Amino acid sequence: MKVLKMNMQSILKKVIFTSTLNLTFFLILIIGIQNGSTKRKVNLLINQTVSLPVGFIVGIGFISGSLVGSLLKVNFKDEEK
């Protein structure tokens, strides 16, 4: 029971830290993008998006990759003994 409690605390700390860090990155991105003049549309499979600054598109890609990469748990341990 004690191990489970410590594990939940470490998971909660990791989620809070990751969320706070990525929210900070997003706020810095929003503040920094104010002077972005080069705008492009993103072609999706069905439609296109509205015109967005290129820096915003790239920044959101990095932030979402950071968020998914830090919250994704991958086990590379061998099960063979």
N, C-alpha and C. Protein backbone atom coordinates (compact mmCIF):
# COMPACT_ATOMS: atom_id res chain seq x y z
N MET A 1 0.82 -1.19 0.00
CA MET A 1 0.00 0.00 0.00
C MET A 1 0.86 1.25 0.00
N LYS A 2 1.98 1.18 0.75
CA LYS A 2 2.88 2.32 0.84
C LYS A 2 3.55 2.61 -0.52
N VAL A 3 3.91 1.54 -1.23
CA VAL A 3 4.54 1.69 -2.54
C VAL A 3 3.57 2.31 -3.53
N LEU A 4 2.33 1.90 -3.49
CA LEU A 4 1.32 2.45 -4.38
C LEU A 4 1.10 3.93 -4.10
N LYS A 5 1.11 4.31 -2.82
CA LYS A 5 0.92 5.72 -2.46
C LYS A 5 2.08 6.56 -2.96
N MET A 6 3.32 6.07 -2.81
CA MET A 6 4.49 6.81 -3.29
C MET A 6 4.47 6.89 -4.81
N ASN A 7 4.05 5.82 -5.48
CA ASN A 7 4.00 5.82 -6.93
C ASN A 7 2.97 6.82 -7.44
N MET A 8 1.82 6.89 -6.78
CA MET A 8 0.79 7.85 -7.18
C MET A 8 1.25 9.28 -6.96
N GLN A 9 2.00 9.52 -5.88
CA GLN A 9 2.52 10.85 -5.62
C GLN A 9 3.53 11.26 -6.69
N SER A 10 4.39 10.33 -7.10
CA SER A 10 5.37 10.67 -8.12
C SER A 10 4.70 10.89 -9.48
N ILE A 11 3.66 10.13 -9.78
CA ILE A 11 2.92 10.33 -11.03
C ILE A 11 2.22 11.69 -11.01
N LEU A 12 1.61 12.03 -9.88
CA LEU A 12 0.94 13.32 -9.76
C LEU A 12 1.92 14.47 -9.88
N LYS A 13 3.10 14.35 -9.28
CA LYS A 13 4.13 15.39 -9.41
C LYS A 13 4.57 15.54 -10.86
N LYS A 14 4.72 14.42 -11.54
CA LYS A 14 5.15 14.46 -12.95
C LYS A 14 4.10 15.13 -13.82
N VAL A 15 2.83 14.80 -13.61
CA VAL A 15 1.75 15.39 -14.40
C VAL A 15 1.65 16.89 -14.14
N ILE A 16 1.73 17.29 -12.87
CA ILE A 16 1.65 18.72 -12.54
C ILE A 16 2.84 19.47 -13.12
N PHE A 17 4.05 18.92 -12.99
CA PHE A 17 5.23 19.59 -13.55
C PHE A 17 5.13 19.71 -15.06
N THR A 18 4.75 18.64 -15.73
CA THR A 18 4.64 18.65 -17.19
C THR A 18 3.58 19.64 -17.66
N SER A 19 2.44 19.63 -17.00
CA SER A 19 1.37 20.56 -17.38
C SER A 19 1.78 22.01 -17.17
N THR A 20 2.42 22.29 -16.04
CA THR A 20 2.87 23.65 -15.76
C THR A 20 3.92 24.11 -16.75
N LEU A 21 4.87 23.26 -17.05
CA LEU A 21 5.93 23.61 -17.99
C LEU A 21 5.37 23.88 -19.39
N ASN A 22 4.50 23.03 -19.87
CA ASN A 22 3.94 23.20 -21.20
C ASN A 22 2.97 24.37 -21.27
N LEU A 23 2.25 24.66 -20.19
CA LEU A 23 1.41 25.84 -20.15
C LEU A 23 2.26 27.11 -20.20
N THR A 24 3.39 27.09 -19.52
CA THR A 24 4.32 28.22 -19.58
C THR A 24 4.86 28.40 -20.99
N PHE A 25 5.24 27.30 -21.64
CA PHE A 25 5.69 27.38 -23.03
C PHE A 25 4.61 27.97 -23.93
N PHE A 26 3.37 27.54 -23.71
CA PHE A 26 2.26 28.04 -24.53
C PHE A 26 2.04 29.53 -24.32
N LEU A 27 2.11 30.00 -23.09
CA LEU A 27 1.93 31.43 -22.82
C LEU A 27 3.06 32.25 -23.45
N ILE A 28 4.28 31.75 -23.37
CA ILE A 28 5.41 32.43 -24.01
C ILE A 28 5.22 32.44 -25.52
N LEU A 29 4.72 31.36 -26.07
CA LEU A 29 4.44 31.28 -27.51
C LEU A 29 3.40 32.31 -27.92
N ILE A 30 2.32 32.42 -27.15
CA ILE A 30 1.26 33.38 -27.46
C ILE A 30 1.80 34.81 -27.38
N ILE A 31 2.59 35.11 -26.37
CA ILE A 31 3.16 36.46 -26.24
C ILE A 31 4.13 36.74 -27.37
N GLY A 32 4.96 35.77 -27.72
CA GLY A 32 5.97 35.98 -28.75
C GLY A 32 5.41 36.01 -30.16
N ILE A 33 4.25 35.46 -30.38
CA ILE A 33 3.69 35.37 -31.72
C ILE A 33 2.97 36.65 -32.12
N GLN A 34 2.85 37.60 -31.23
CA GLN A 34 2.11 38.84 -31.50
C GLN A 34 2.64 39.57 -32.73
N ASN A 35 3.92 39.49 -32.99
CA ASN A 35 4.50 40.20 -34.12
C ASN A 35 4.71 39.33 -35.35
N GLY A 36 4.16 38.15 -35.35
CA GLY A 36 4.32 37.25 -36.49
C GLY A 36 3.49 37.72 -37.67
N SER A 37 4.13 37.96 -38.80
CA SER A 37 3.40 38.47 -39.95
C SER A 37 3.24 37.41 -41.06
N THR A 38 4.08 36.40 -41.06
CA THR A 38 3.99 35.36 -42.08
C THR A 38 2.94 34.35 -41.66
N LYS A 39 1.87 34.23 -42.44
CA LYS A 39 0.78 33.32 -42.10
C LYS A 39 0.60 32.29 -43.19
N ARG A 40 0.28 31.08 -42.79
CA ARG A 40 0.05 29.97 -43.71
C ARG A 40 -1.18 29.19 -43.27
N LYS A 41 -1.73 28.41 -44.18
CA LYS A 41 -2.82 27.51 -43.87
C LYS A 41 -2.27 26.09 -43.79
N VAL A 42 -2.83 25.30 -42.89
CA VAL A 42 -2.44 23.91 -42.75
C VAL A 42 -3.43 23.07 -43.52
N ASN A 43 -2.94 22.24 -44.44
CA ASN A 43 -3.81 21.35 -45.22
C ASN A 43 -4.06 20.07 -44.45
N LEU A 44 -5.30 19.88 -44.04
CA LEU A 44 -5.69 18.64 -43.38
C LEU A 44 -6.25 17.69 -44.44
N LEU A 45 -6.67 16.51 -44.03
CA LEU A 45 -7.18 15.55 -45.00
C LEU A 45 -8.46 16.04 -45.67
N ILE A 46 -9.31 16.70 -44.93
CA ILE A 46 -10.60 17.12 -45.47
C ILE A 46 -10.61 18.60 -45.84
N ASN A 47 -10.19 19.45 -44.94
CA ASN A 47 -10.24 20.90 -45.14
C ASN A 47 -8.90 21.55 -44.86
N GLN A 48 -8.90 22.88 -44.90
CA GLN A 48 -7.75 23.67 -44.50
C GLN A 48 -8.12 24.45 -43.24
N THR A 49 -7.11 24.80 -42.47
CA THR A 49 -7.35 25.62 -41.30
C THR A 49 -7.37 27.08 -41.71
N VAL A 50 -7.66 27.94 -40.74
CA VAL A 50 -7.56 29.38 -40.99
C VAL A 50 -6.08 29.74 -41.08
N SER A 51 -5.79 30.92 -41.57
CA SER A 51 -4.40 31.35 -41.68
C SER A 51 -3.82 31.56 -40.29
N LEU A 52 -2.75 30.87 -40.00
CA LEU A 52 -2.07 30.96 -38.71
C LEU A 52 -0.62 31.33 -38.94
N PRO A 53 0.00 32.05 -37.99
CA PRO A 53 1.43 32.34 -38.11
C PRO A 53 2.25 31.05 -38.10
N VAL A 54 3.31 31.04 -38.88
CA VAL A 54 4.14 29.84 -39.01
C VAL A 54 4.75 29.46 -37.66
N GLY A 55 5.19 30.45 -36.89
CA GLY A 55 5.78 30.18 -35.58
C GLY A 55 4.79 29.52 -34.64
N PHE A 56 3.53 29.87 -34.74
CA PHE A 56 2.50 29.27 -33.90
C PHE A 56 2.31 27.80 -34.26
N ILE A 57 2.29 27.50 -35.53
CA ILE A 57 2.12 26.12 -35.98
C ILE A 57 3.29 25.25 -35.51
N VAL A 58 4.51 25.75 -35.67
CA VAL A 58 5.69 25.01 -35.25
C VAL A 58 5.73 24.89 -33.73
N GLY A 59 5.41 25.97 -33.03
CA GLY A 59 5.43 25.96 -31.57
C GLY A 59 4.43 25.00 -30.98
N ILE A 60 3.23 24.96 -31.54
CA ILE A 60 2.21 24.02 -31.05
C ILE A 60 2.66 22.58 -31.29
N GLY A 61 3.35 22.36 -32.41
CA GLY A 61 3.88 21.01 -32.67
C GLY A 61 4.89 20.59 -31.62
N PHE A 62 5.80 21.49 -31.24
CA PHE A 62 6.79 21.17 -30.21
C PHE A 62 6.13 20.98 -28.85
N ILE A 63 5.17 21.83 -28.51
CA ILE A 63 4.52 21.73 -27.20
C ILE A 63 3.72 20.44 -27.10
N SER A 64 2.97 20.10 -28.15
CA SER A 64 2.19 18.86 -28.09
C SER A 64 3.11 17.63 -28.06
N GLY A 65 4.22 17.68 -28.77
CA GLY A 65 5.19 16.58 -28.71
C GLY A 65 5.82 16.44 -27.34
N SER A 66 6.11 17.56 -26.71
CA SER A 66 6.66 17.54 -25.36
C SER A 66 5.66 16.98 -24.36
N LEU A 67 4.41 17.38 -24.51
CA LEU A 67 3.37 16.91 -23.60
C LEU A 67 3.12 15.41 -23.75
N VAL A 68 2.99 14.96 -24.97
CA VAL A 68 2.73 13.53 -25.20
C VAL A 68 3.96 12.70 -24.82
N GLY A 69 5.13 13.17 -25.17
CA GLY A 69 6.35 12.42 -24.87
C GLY A 69 6.64 12.29 -23.40
N SER A 70 6.28 13.30 -22.62
CA SER A 70 6.57 13.22 -21.20
C SER A 70 5.50 12.44 -20.43
N LEU A 71 4.30 12.36 -20.94
CA LEU A 71 3.25 11.63 -20.25
C LEU A 71 3.10 10.18 -20.72
N LEU A 72 3.73 9.85 -21.83
CA LEU A 72 3.64 8.50 -22.37
C LEU A 72 4.61 7.59 -21.63
N LYS A 73 4.11 6.49 -21.12
CA LYS A 73 4.97 5.56 -20.40
C LYS A 73 5.32 4.40 -21.33
N VAL A 74 6.62 4.19 -21.49
CA VAL A 74 7.10 3.12 -22.36
C VAL A 74 7.98 2.19 -21.54
N ASN A 75 7.69 0.92 -21.60
CA ASN A 75 8.51 -0.08 -20.91
C ASN A 75 9.38 -0.79 -21.93
N PHE A 76 10.68 -0.65 -21.77
CA PHE A 76 11.62 -1.33 -22.64
C PHE A 76 12.31 -2.50 -21.92
N LYS A 77 11.77 -2.89 -20.78
CA LYS A 77 12.38 -3.98 -20.03
C LYS A 77 12.09 -5.31 -20.71
N ASP A 78 13.09 -6.17 -20.72
CA ASP A 78 12.91 -7.52 -21.26
C ASP A 78 12.19 -8.37 -20.23
N GLU A 79 11.25 -9.14 -20.68
CA GLU A 79 10.48 -10.01 -19.80
C GLU A 79 11.18 -11.37 -19.63
N GLU A 80 12.23 -11.61 -20.42
CA GLU A 80 12.95 -12.88 -20.32
C GLU A 80 13.79 -12.91 -19.06
N LYS A 81 13.83 -14.09 -18.42
CA LYS A 81 14.65 -14.24 -17.21
C LYS A 81 15.54 -15.45 -17.32
